[in-house]
N, C-alpha and C. Protein backbone atom coordinates (compact mmCIF):
# COMPACT_ATOMS: atom_id res chain seq x y z
N UNK A 1 100.95 118.81 148.32
CA UNK A 1 100.64 118.84 146.90
C UNK A 1 100.80 117.45 146.31
N UNK A 2 99.97 117.16 145.34
CA UNK A 2 100.02 115.86 144.68
C UNK A 2 100.40 116.06 143.21
N UNK A 3 101.19 115.14 142.69
CA UNK A 3 101.53 115.14 141.27
C UNK A 3 100.94 113.89 140.63
N UNK A 4 100.21 114.09 139.52
CA UNK A 4 99.51 112.99 138.87
C UNK A 4 99.65 113.08 137.36
N UNK A 5 99.30 112.00 136.69
CA UNK A 5 99.19 112.03 135.24
C UNK A 5 97.71 111.96 134.89
N UNK A 6 97.38 112.53 133.74
CA UNK A 6 95.99 112.58 133.29
C UNK A 6 95.97 112.72 131.77
N UNK A 7 94.77 112.76 131.23
CA UNK A 7 94.56 112.97 129.79
C UNK A 7 93.71 114.21 129.60
N UNK A 8 94.11 115.04 128.67
CA UNK A 8 93.34 116.25 128.39
C UNK A 8 91.97 115.86 127.82
N UNK A 9 90.94 116.36 128.45
CA UNK A 9 89.57 116.07 128.00
C UNK A 9 89.09 117.16 127.05
N UNK A 10 89.27 118.42 127.44
CA UNK A 10 88.95 119.55 126.57
C UNK A 10 89.73 120.77 127.03
N UNK A 11 89.92 121.70 126.11
CA UNK A 11 90.65 122.94 126.41
C UNK A 11 90.05 124.05 125.57
N UNK A 12 89.74 125.16 126.20
CA UNK A 12 89.20 126.32 125.52
C UNK A 12 90.34 127.32 125.31
N UNK A 13 90.72 127.53 124.06
CA UNK A 13 91.85 128.42 123.77
C UNK A 13 91.57 129.86 124.18
N UNK A 14 90.31 130.28 124.12
CA UNK A 14 89.97 131.66 124.46
C UNK A 14 90.13 131.92 125.96
N UNK A 15 89.64 131.01 126.80
CA UNK A 15 89.71 131.21 128.25
C UNK A 15 90.94 130.55 128.87
N UNK A 16 91.58 129.64 128.13
CA UNK A 16 92.74 128.89 128.60
C UNK A 16 92.40 127.99 129.79
N UNK A 17 91.13 127.57 129.87
CA UNK A 17 90.63 126.67 130.90
C UNK A 17 90.20 125.36 130.25
N UNK A 18 90.04 124.33 131.06
CA UNK A 18 89.59 123.07 130.50
C UNK A 18 89.42 122.02 131.56
N UNK A 19 89.32 120.78 131.11
CA UNK A 19 89.15 119.66 132.04
C UNK A 19 90.06 118.51 131.64
N UNK A 20 90.33 117.67 132.63
CA UNK A 20 91.23 116.53 132.47
C UNK A 20 90.57 115.29 133.01
N UNK A 21 90.96 114.15 132.47
CA UNK A 21 90.53 112.86 133.00
C UNK A 21 91.71 112.24 133.74
N UNK A 22 91.55 112.05 135.05
CA UNK A 22 92.59 111.35 135.79
C UNK A 22 92.58 109.89 135.35
N UNK A 23 93.63 109.18 135.67
CA UNK A 23 93.74 107.78 135.24
C UNK A 23 92.64 106.89 135.81
N UNK A 24 91.99 107.32 136.91
CA UNK A 24 90.89 106.53 137.47
C UNK A 24 89.53 106.94 136.88
N UNK A 25 89.53 107.87 135.91
CA UNK A 25 88.30 108.29 135.25
C UNK A 25 87.65 109.53 135.84
N UNK A 26 88.20 110.05 136.93
CA UNK A 26 87.67 111.26 137.55
C UNK A 26 87.97 112.48 136.68
N UNK A 27 86.98 113.34 136.52
CA UNK A 27 87.16 114.58 135.76
C UNK A 27 87.52 115.70 136.73
N UNK A 28 88.61 116.42 136.43
CA UNK A 28 89.00 117.60 137.20
C UNK A 28 89.16 118.77 136.24
N UNK A 29 88.87 119.97 136.73
CA UNK A 29 88.98 121.17 135.90
C UNK A 29 90.23 121.95 136.28
N UNK A 30 90.74 122.70 135.33
CA UNK A 30 91.86 123.61 135.59
C UNK A 30 91.51 124.98 135.05
N UNK A 31 92.13 126.01 135.65
CA UNK A 31 91.86 127.38 135.23
C UNK A 31 93.06 127.94 134.45
N UNK A 32 92.93 129.16 134.01
CA UNK A 32 93.97 129.79 133.19
C UNK A 32 95.29 129.91 133.95
N UNK A 33 95.24 130.14 135.26
CA UNK A 33 96.47 130.25 136.05
C UNK A 33 97.24 128.93 136.07
N UNK A 34 96.52 127.82 136.20
CA UNK A 34 97.17 126.50 136.19
C UNK A 34 97.77 126.20 134.82
N UNK A 35 97.06 126.59 133.77
CA UNK A 35 97.58 126.38 132.41
C UNK A 35 98.84 127.21 132.20
N UNK A 36 98.83 128.47 132.62
CA UNK A 36 99.99 129.35 132.46
C UNK A 36 101.18 128.85 133.28
N UNK A 37 100.93 128.31 134.46
CA UNK A 37 102.01 127.82 135.32
C UNK A 37 102.79 126.69 134.67
N UNK A 38 102.14 125.91 133.81
CA UNK A 38 102.80 124.79 133.15
C UNK A 38 103.63 125.18 131.94
N UNK A 39 103.51 126.43 131.51
CA UNK A 39 104.32 126.91 130.38
C UNK A 39 103.83 126.47 129.01
N UNK A 40 102.60 126.01 128.92
CA UNK A 40 102.08 125.55 127.63
C UNK A 40 101.44 126.71 126.85
N UNK A 41 101.38 126.54 125.53
CA UNK A 41 100.67 127.49 124.70
C UNK A 41 99.43 126.87 124.07
N UNK A 42 99.40 125.54 123.97
CA UNK A 42 98.30 124.84 123.33
C UNK A 42 98.17 123.46 123.97
N UNK A 43 96.94 123.00 124.06
CA UNK A 43 96.68 121.67 124.58
C UNK A 43 95.52 121.07 123.80
N UNK A 44 95.71 119.88 123.29
CA UNK A 44 94.68 119.20 122.50
C UNK A 44 94.05 118.07 123.30
N UNK A 45 92.81 117.76 122.98
CA UNK A 45 92.13 116.63 123.62
C UNK A 45 92.91 115.35 123.36
N UNK A 46 93.03 114.54 124.38
CA UNK A 46 93.73 113.26 124.25
C UNK A 46 95.21 113.30 124.60
N UNK A 47 95.78 114.50 124.78
CA UNK A 47 97.19 114.57 125.13
C UNK A 47 97.38 114.16 126.59
N UNK A 48 98.46 113.44 126.85
CA UNK A 48 98.82 113.05 128.20
C UNK A 48 99.50 114.23 128.88
N UNK A 49 99.11 114.48 130.13
CA UNK A 49 99.65 115.62 130.87
C UNK A 49 100.05 115.19 132.27
N UNK A 50 100.85 116.04 132.88
CA UNK A 50 101.20 115.92 134.30
C UNK A 50 100.55 117.11 134.98
N UNK A 51 100.00 116.87 136.16
CA UNK A 51 99.39 117.97 136.90
C UNK A 51 99.87 117.99 138.33
N UNK A 52 99.77 119.16 138.92
CA UNK A 52 100.04 119.31 140.35
C UNK A 52 98.77 119.91 140.95
N UNK A 53 98.34 119.33 142.07
CA UNK A 53 97.15 119.82 142.75
C UNK A 53 97.49 120.24 144.17
N UNK A 54 96.65 121.11 144.73
CA UNK A 54 96.78 121.47 146.14
C UNK A 54 96.22 120.33 146.96
N UNK A 55 96.82 120.04 148.08
CA UNK A 55 96.33 118.98 148.95
C UNK A 55 96.70 117.60 148.42
N UNK A 56 96.37 116.60 149.19
CA UNK A 56 96.71 115.22 148.82
C UNK A 56 95.63 114.54 147.99
N UNK A 57 94.40 115.06 148.05
CA UNK A 57 93.29 114.47 147.31
C UNK A 57 93.07 115.26 146.02
N UNK A 58 93.43 114.70 144.85
CA UNK A 58 93.34 115.45 143.60
C UNK A 58 91.92 115.83 143.21
N UNK A 59 90.93 115.09 143.69
CA UNK A 59 89.56 115.43 143.34
C UNK A 59 89.02 116.57 144.20
N UNK A 60 89.66 116.80 145.35
CA UNK A 60 89.21 117.89 146.23
C UNK A 60 90.09 119.12 146.11
N UNK A 61 91.34 118.94 145.68
CA UNK A 61 92.27 120.06 145.58
C UNK A 61 92.20 120.74 144.23
N UNK A 62 92.58 121.99 144.20
CA UNK A 62 92.61 122.77 142.97
C UNK A 62 93.85 122.42 142.16
N UNK A 63 93.70 122.28 140.84
CA UNK A 63 94.84 122.05 139.95
C UNK A 63 95.61 123.36 139.86
N UNK A 64 96.92 123.32 140.18
CA UNK A 64 97.73 124.53 140.18
C UNK A 64 98.72 124.57 139.02
N UNK A 65 98.93 123.44 138.32
CA UNK A 65 99.83 123.42 137.17
C UNK A 65 99.48 122.25 136.26
N UNK A 66 99.53 122.52 134.95
CA UNK A 66 99.28 121.50 133.92
C UNK A 66 100.40 121.62 132.89
N UNK A 67 101.03 120.51 132.56
CA UNK A 67 102.04 120.52 131.50
C UNK A 67 102.02 119.16 130.80
N UNK A 68 102.72 119.05 129.70
CA UNK A 68 102.77 117.78 128.97
C UNK A 68 103.50 116.73 129.80
N UNK A 69 103.18 115.49 129.56
CA UNK A 69 103.75 114.40 130.36
C UNK A 69 105.26 114.29 130.23
N UNK A 70 105.81 114.81 129.14
CA UNK A 70 107.27 114.74 128.94
C UNK A 70 108.00 115.94 129.52
N UNK A 71 107.28 116.93 130.04
CA UNK A 71 107.87 118.12 130.63
C UNK A 71 107.91 118.01 132.15
N UNK A 72 108.80 118.76 132.77
CA UNK A 72 108.87 118.83 134.22
C UNK A 72 107.82 119.83 134.71
N UNK A 73 107.18 119.51 135.82
CA UNK A 73 106.27 120.46 136.44
C UNK A 73 107.09 121.56 137.12
N UNK A 74 106.61 122.79 137.09
CA UNK A 74 107.34 123.87 137.75
C UNK A 74 107.24 123.72 139.27
N UNK A 75 108.21 124.28 139.97
CA UNK A 75 108.16 124.30 141.44
C UNK A 75 107.19 125.40 141.85
N UNK A 76 106.15 125.00 142.55
CA UNK A 76 105.15 125.95 143.04
C UNK A 76 105.03 125.72 144.54
N UNK A 77 105.20 126.78 145.28
CA UNK A 77 105.08 126.64 146.74
C UNK A 77 103.91 127.41 147.26
């Protein structure tokens, strides 16, 4: 698993899904499960976040957790 920082690009409150911009400009998507795993209730465009992805390549792995940059990521095995 990889842990990275990113910026929230968009978030749909109804579906709890959205996309993020990694620091290198790559866009990655997250689903409702990843959003729920991070313990957030709301996410706005432009907020800095921490993410955890499956695998070592964040562009190929699925995002499994999203939380604010000041929060700890949950332990997911």
